[in-house]
Every structure is written in C-alpha cells, then in structure tokens.
N, C-alpha and C. Protein backbone atom coordinates (compact mmCIF):
# COMPACT_ATOMS: atom_id res chain seq x y z
N UNK A 1 0.79 -1.17 0.00
CA UNK A 1 0.00 0.00 0.00
C UNK A 1 0.84 1.26 0.00
N UNK A 2 1.92 1.21 0.70
CA UNK A 2 2.78 2.37 0.75
C UNK A 2 3.39 2.64 -0.61
N UNK A 3 3.52 1.60 -1.45
CA UNK A 3 4.08 1.78 -2.79
C UNK A 3 3.17 2.66 -3.64
N UNK A 4 1.85 2.54 -3.50
CA UNK A 4 0.91 3.33 -4.29
C UNK A 4 0.97 4.79 -3.89
N UNK A 5 1.10 5.07 -2.58
CA UNK A 5 1.17 6.46 -2.12
C UNK A 5 2.45 7.13 -2.59
N UNK A 6 3.54 6.39 -2.60
CA UNK A 6 4.81 6.94 -3.04
C UNK A 6 4.76 7.31 -4.51
N UNK A 7 4.07 6.52 -5.28
CA UNK A 7 3.95 6.80 -6.71
C UNK A 7 3.15 8.07 -6.92
N UNK A 8 2.12 8.29 -6.14
CA UNK A 8 1.29 9.49 -6.25
C UNK A 8 2.12 10.74 -5.93
N UNK A 9 2.94 10.68 -4.90
CA UNK A 9 3.80 11.81 -4.54
C UNK A 9 4.80 12.06 -5.66
N UNK A 10 5.35 10.99 -6.23
CA UNK A 10 6.31 11.14 -7.32
C UNK A 10 5.67 11.82 -8.53
N UNK A 11 4.43 11.47 -8.86
CA UNK A 11 3.74 12.10 -9.98
C UNK A 11 3.49 13.57 -9.71
N UNK A 12 3.14 13.91 -8.47
CA UNK A 12 2.90 15.30 -8.12
C UNK A 12 4.18 16.11 -8.27
N UNK A 13 5.31 15.53 -7.87
CA UNK A 13 6.58 16.24 -8.01
C UNK A 13 6.93 16.41 -9.48
N UNK A 14 6.70 15.40 -10.29
CA UNK A 14 6.98 15.51 -11.73
C UNK A 14 6.11 16.58 -12.36
N UNK A 15 4.86 16.70 -11.90
CA UNK A 15 3.95 17.70 -12.44
C UNK A 15 4.48 19.10 -12.14
N UNK A 16 4.97 19.32 -10.92
CA UNK A 16 5.52 20.64 -10.58
C UNK A 16 6.76 20.95 -11.40
N UNK A 17 7.59 19.94 -11.63
CA UNK A 17 8.78 20.15 -12.44
C UNK A 17 8.38 20.52 -13.86
N UNK A 18 7.37 19.85 -14.40
CA UNK A 18 6.89 20.16 -15.74
C UNK A 18 6.36 21.58 -15.83
N UNK A 19 5.69 22.06 -14.79
CA UNK A 19 5.17 23.42 -14.78
C UNK A 19 6.32 24.42 -14.75
N UNK A 20 7.33 24.15 -13.96
CA UNK A 20 8.47 25.05 -13.88
C UNK A 20 9.17 25.14 -15.25
N UNK A 21 9.27 24.03 -15.93
CA UNK A 21 9.91 24.02 -17.24
C UNK A 21 9.12 24.87 -18.23
N UNK A 22 7.79 24.81 -18.15
CA UNK A 22 6.95 25.61 -19.03
C UNK A 22 7.14 27.10 -18.78
N UNK A 23 7.22 27.50 -17.52
CA UNK A 23 7.44 28.90 -17.18
C UNK A 23 8.82 29.34 -17.66
N UNK A 24 9.81 28.48 -17.44
CA UNK A 24 11.16 28.80 -17.88
C UNK A 24 11.21 28.93 -19.40
N UNK A 25 10.46 28.08 -20.11
CA UNK A 25 10.43 28.18 -21.57
C UNK A 25 9.82 29.50 -22.02
N UNK A 26 8.75 29.92 -21.36
CA UNK A 26 8.11 31.19 -21.71
C UNK A 26 9.08 32.35 -21.47
N UNK A 27 9.76 32.34 -20.35
CA UNK A 27 10.74 33.40 -20.05
C UNK A 27 11.88 33.39 -21.06
N UNK A 28 12.33 32.22 -21.44
CA UNK A 28 13.39 32.11 -22.43
C UNK A 28 12.92 32.67 -23.77
N UNK A 29 11.71 32.36 -24.18
CA UNK A 29 11.17 32.88 -25.44
C UNK A 29 11.04 34.40 -25.38
N UNK A 30 10.62 34.94 -24.26
CA UNK A 30 10.52 36.40 -24.11
C UNK A 30 11.90 37.04 -24.27
N UNK A 31 12.89 36.44 -23.65
CA UNK A 31 14.26 36.96 -23.73
C UNK A 31 14.77 36.91 -25.17
N UNK A 32 14.52 35.82 -25.86
CA UNK A 32 14.95 35.69 -27.25
C UNK A 32 14.27 36.74 -28.12
N UNK A 33 12.98 36.95 -27.92
CA UNK A 33 12.25 37.96 -28.70
C UNK A 33 12.82 39.36 -28.48
N UNK A 34 13.13 39.69 -27.24
CA UNK A 34 13.71 41.00 -26.94
C UNK A 34 15.06 41.15 -27.62
N UNK A 35 15.89 40.12 -27.57
CA UNK A 35 17.20 40.17 -28.21
C UNK A 35 17.08 40.34 -29.72
N UNK A 36 16.13 39.64 -30.34
CA UNK A 36 15.93 39.77 -31.78
C UNK A 36 15.52 41.19 -32.13
N UNK A 37 14.62 41.77 -31.35
CA UNK A 37 14.19 43.15 -31.60
C UNK A 37 15.35 44.13 -31.43
N UNK A 38 16.17 43.93 -30.41
CA UNK A 38 17.31 44.80 -30.20
C UNK A 38 18.32 44.69 -31.32
N UNK A 39 18.57 43.49 -31.79
CA UNK A 39 19.51 43.30 -32.89
C UNK A 39 19.01 43.99 -34.15
N UNK A 40 17.72 43.94 -34.39
CA UNK A 40 17.15 44.61 -35.55
C UNK A 40 17.29 46.12 -35.44
N UNK A 41 17.10 46.66 -34.26
CA UNK A 41 17.18 48.11 -34.06
C UNK A 41 18.62 48.61 -34.14
N UNK A 42 19.57 47.76 -33.81
CA UNK A 42 20.97 48.19 -33.79
C UNK A 42 21.71 47.89 -35.08
N UNK A 43 21.06 47.28 -36.02
CA UNK A 43 21.78 46.86 -37.21
C UNK A 43 21.99 47.95 -38.23
N UNK A 44 21.54 49.12 -37.98
CA UNK A 44 21.72 50.18 -38.95
C UNK A 44 20.56 50.35 -39.86
N UNK A 45 19.96 49.27 -40.23
CA UNK A 45 18.72 49.28 -40.92
C UNK A 45 18.73 49.75 -42.34
N UNK A 46 19.50 50.74 -42.70
CA UNK A 46 19.45 51.31 -44.03
C UNK A 46 20.51 50.76 -44.93
N UNK A 47 20.41 51.12 -46.21
CA UNK A 47 21.41 50.65 -47.16
C UNK A 47 22.77 51.29 -46.90
N UNK A 48 23.80 50.69 -47.43
CA UNK A 48 25.13 51.26 -47.28
C UNK A 48 25.83 51.23 -48.63
N UNK A 49 26.92 51.92 -48.73
CA UNK A 49 27.68 51.94 -49.97
C UNK A 49 26.96 52.70 -51.06
N UNK A 50 27.12 52.25 -52.31
CA UNK A 50 26.50 52.94 -53.44
C UNK A 50 24.98 53.07 -53.33
N UNK A 51 24.33 52.08 -52.70
CA UNK A 51 22.87 52.13 -52.56
C UNK A 51 22.45 53.33 -51.72
N UNK A 52 23.22 53.65 -50.68
CA UNK A 52 22.90 54.80 -49.83
C UNK A 52 23.03 56.10 -50.62
N UNK A 53 24.00 56.18 -51.50
CA UNK A 53 24.20 57.38 -52.32
C UNK A 53 23.02 57.56 -53.27
N UNK A 54 22.63 56.51 -53.94
CA UNK A 54 21.50 56.58 -54.87
C UNK A 54 20.22 56.93 -54.12
N UNK A 55 20.01 56.34 -52.95
CA UNK A 55 18.83 56.66 -52.14
C UNK A 55 18.81 58.13 -51.73
N UNK A 56 19.97 58.75 -51.58
CA UNK A 56 20.05 60.17 -51.22
C UNK A 56 19.88 61.08 -52.43
N UNK A 57 19.72 60.49 -53.62
CA UNK A 57 19.53 61.28 -54.82
C UNK A 57 20.80 61.56 -55.58
N UNK A 58 21.89 60.92 -55.19
CA UNK A 58 23.17 61.18 -55.84
C UNK A 58 23.62 60.05 -56.73
N UNK A 59 24.87 60.13 -57.12
CA UNK A 59 25.48 59.07 -57.90
C UNK A 59 26.94 58.93 -57.48
N UNK A 60 27.44 57.72 -57.57
CA UNK A 60 28.83 57.47 -57.22
C UNK A 60 29.71 57.81 -58.41
N UNK A 61 30.73 58.61 -58.16
CA UNK A 61 31.69 59.00 -59.18
C UNK A 61 33.08 58.55 -58.76
N UNK A 62 33.94 58.37 -59.74
CA UNK A 62 35.30 57.91 -59.45
C UNK A 62 36.30 59.00 -59.80
N UNK A 63 37.30 59.13 -58.94
CA UNK A 63 38.41 60.02 -59.23
C UNK A 63 38.09 61.50 -59.11
N UNK A 64 38.68 62.31 -59.99
CA UNK A 64 38.59 63.76 -59.89
C UNK A 64 37.39 64.37 -60.61
N UNK A 65 36.30 63.64 -60.74
CA UNK A 65 35.13 64.19 -61.41
C UNK A 65 34.63 65.42 -60.66
N UNK A 66 34.11 66.39 -61.41
CA UNK A 66 33.59 67.61 -60.79
C UNK A 66 32.25 67.31 -60.14
N UNK A 67 32.11 67.82 -58.94
CA UNK A 67 30.89 67.57 -58.19
C UNK A 67 30.64 68.74 -57.26
N UNK A 68 29.45 69.35 -57.31
CA UNK A 68 29.18 70.50 -56.45
C UNK A 68 28.99 70.13 -54.98
N UNK A 69 28.45 68.95 -54.69
CA UNK A 69 28.18 68.55 -53.30
C UNK A 69 28.68 67.13 -53.09
N UNK A 70 29.72 67.00 -52.30
CA UNK A 70 30.21 65.67 -51.93
C UNK A 70 29.40 65.19 -50.74
N UNK A 71 28.70 64.08 -50.91
CA UNK A 71 27.86 63.54 -49.83
C UNK A 71 28.66 62.69 -48.86
N UNK A 72 28.09 62.45 -47.67
CA UNK A 72 28.77 61.63 -46.67
C UNK A 72 28.65 60.13 -46.94
N UNK A 73 27.82 59.74 -47.90
CA UNK A 73 27.63 58.32 -48.19
C UNK A 73 28.92 57.73 -48.74
N UNK A 74 29.18 56.49 -48.36
CA UNK A 74 30.43 55.82 -48.72
C UNK A 74 30.24 55.01 -50.00
N UNK A 75 30.74 55.52 -51.11
CA UNK A 75 30.67 54.79 -52.38
C UNK A 75 31.84 53.84 -52.57
N UNK A 76 32.73 53.83 -51.65
CA UNK A 76 33.95 53.06 -51.77
C UNK A 76 34.06 52.08 -50.60
N UNK A 77 33.03 51.23 -50.40
CA UNK A 77 33.03 50.39 -49.20
C UNK A 77 34.18 49.39 -49.14
N UNK A 78 34.72 49.01 -50.25
CA UNK A 78 35.84 48.06 -50.25
C UNK A 78 37.19 48.76 -50.30
N UNK A 79 37.18 50.08 -50.25
CA UNK A 79 38.41 50.88 -50.25
C UNK A 79 39.27 50.59 -51.47
N UNK A 80 38.61 50.54 -52.63
CA UNK A 80 39.38 50.30 -53.85
C UNK A 80 40.17 51.54 -54.23
N UNK A 81 41.21 51.41 -55.02
CA UNK A 81 42.05 52.56 -55.35
C UNK A 81 41.37 53.57 -56.28
N UNK A 82 40.15 53.29 -56.76
CA UNK A 82 39.46 54.19 -57.67
C UNK A 82 39.03 55.50 -57.02
N UNK A 83 38.89 55.52 -55.69
CA UNK A 83 38.51 56.73 -54.99
C UNK A 83 37.08 57.18 -55.25
N UNK A 84 36.13 56.26 -55.28
CA UNK A 84 34.74 56.61 -55.53
C UNK A 84 34.18 57.46 -54.40
N UNK A 85 33.31 58.43 -54.76
CA UNK A 85 32.65 59.26 -53.76
C UNK A 85 31.22 59.53 -54.22
N UNK A 86 30.38 59.98 -53.31
CA UNK A 86 28.98 60.25 -53.61
C UNK A 86 28.82 61.71 -54.00
N UNK A 87 28.28 61.95 -55.19
CA UNK A 87 28.02 63.30 -55.67
C UNK A 87 26.52 63.55 -55.59
N UNK A 88 26.13 64.50 -54.75
CA UNK A 88 24.72 64.83 -54.57
C UNK A 88 24.36 66.06 -55.39
N UNK A 89 23.09 66.18 -55.77
CA UNK A 89 22.67 67.37 -56.52
C UNK A 89 22.65 68.60 -55.62
N UNK A 90 22.66 69.76 -56.24
CA UNK A 90 22.56 71.02 -55.49
C UNK A 90 21.18 71.11 -54.83
N UNK A 91 21.10 71.77 -53.68
CA UNK A 91 19.80 71.96 -53.04
C UNK A 91 18.86 72.77 -53.95
N UNK A 92 17.57 72.62 -53.74
CA UNK A 92 16.59 73.36 -54.54
C UNK A 92 16.87 74.85 -54.47
N UNK A 93 16.73 75.50 -55.60
CA UNK A 93 16.96 76.94 -55.65
C UNK A 93 18.40 77.31 -55.95
N UNK A 94 19.28 76.34 -56.06
CA UNK A 94 20.67 76.61 -56.39
C UNK A 94 21.07 75.78 -57.61
N UNK A 95 22.17 76.12 -58.21
CA UNK A 95 22.68 75.38 -59.36
C UNK A 95 24.20 75.30 -59.26
N UNK A 96 24.79 74.32 -59.92
CA UNK A 96 26.25 74.23 -59.89
C UNK A 96 26.88 75.46 -60.55
N UNK A 97 27.99 75.88 -60.01
CA UNK A 97 28.71 77.01 -60.63
C UNK A 97 29.33 76.55 -61.96
N UNK A 98 29.92 77.47 -62.68
CA UNK A 98 30.49 77.14 -64.00
C UNK A 98 31.54 76.05 -63.93
N UNK A 99 32.28 76.01 -62.86
CA UNK A 99 33.32 74.99 -62.71
C UNK A 99 32.74 73.65 -62.27
N UNK A 100 31.50 73.66 -61.78
CA UNK A 100 30.86 72.42 -61.32
C UNK A 100 31.36 71.96 -59.98
N UNK A 101 31.98 72.86 -59.21
CA UNK A 101 32.57 72.45 -57.95
C UNK A 101 31.82 72.95 -56.72
N UNK A 102 30.78 73.75 -56.92
CA UNK A 102 30.01 74.27 -55.78
C UNK A 102 28.62 74.66 -56.26
N UNK A 103 27.71 74.85 -55.32
CA UNK A 103 26.34 75.29 -55.65
C UNK A 103 26.23 76.78 -55.38
N UNK A 104 25.51 77.48 -56.25
CA UNK A 104 25.31 78.94 -56.08
C UNK A 104 23.84 79.25 -56.10
C-alpha cells in the first residue's frame, strides 16, 4: 500500500517540475524575442555603400570628377584605389557654378 502512495507523490513532483519548465520556456522565449528586436534596431537598418548614395539622390563617381556637393555616403566600401565618392545634386533653388565644384 505504501508503494501506491509513493507513486502518487512522485507524480505530483513531476507535475511541478513540468510546470516550472513551461514557465522557464516562456521566459526564455521572451528573452529571445527582446534580443531579436534589439539586434534589428541596432543593425543600422538602411542601405550602405552605393545604394545609400542613390537613395540620397546622388550618384557614385570615381576620381577627380567635378561635383558640387560631396555627400557623406560611402561609395567606396571596399576601399578600392578608384577613390569613388557620392556626388549629390545642389539643393533646390541653387545650381552648380560654372566649374561644377560648388552650388550657387
């Protein structure tokens, strides 16, 4: 008879362990979701290299080409010896000067 009671206690303990595992799984999933969201927010999100220049309305040029506005976008992500840079258009209401090196 004592064997039956011991089995009942053992099942009750297993049930509590199973419940704790479920709670731990939920907490683990919450933590993973938060980490995924943080990684997405910290990844920069936008395009880089030539794509960023085009998205800004410019074009990547190589070498000593005349350009009124040099943009901060990196057209030379691999640091090739061509010296590519982002050339942006003049702001509205201005136009490139005769030399093409500044906006007036």
